[in-house]
């Protein structure tokens, strides 16, 4: 099953186009810098030890996604695939991806749990090694997200031929945002 970030890139690519999906992916990937920094300097360890702080971050992440679901609900049923129609701004999608990633504490916990096992040198500082691992993770994530975005174009062409599915896409976006919010909050 694809993770929430991949589904988010897919939905944005279908709704707004490949370029917009890739910019969303860049926002998501940029958030990894924050998590890498937290792990590198030990702040993630503090978050892991404080259940209250961890819950507060989860709560803010879930509330943000519920807000995005509400905005999707208030929007028109049509998925605007026509290149002549005004689309969401690239900066807005980048910011949404970035905030979505940064407010997901599971990324920091994942890094905290797995990165130490991949430290590879006695002579290079641990902080530098964490940044190298974070950079490699960012590269692979950007590649995967970009491929998802590029391949979603075929589905967008299908939607243009069969516009009755547009309403389903709107509700799919709402369900995705709600699902990710509840997943973050209750897992």
Foldseek 3Di string as FASTA:
>chain_A
DDDLLLVVLLLQCLQPNLVLSLLLLLLLLVLLVVLLQCLLVVVLVVCVVDPVNVLVLLLVLLVLLLVVLVVLVPDDLARDPDPVDDDDDSVVSSNSSNSNNNSQSVSSVVCNVPVVVVQDDPPDDSSVSSVVVSVVVSVVSSVVSSVSSVVSVVVSVVCVVPVVCSNVSSVVSSCSSNVVSCVSNPD
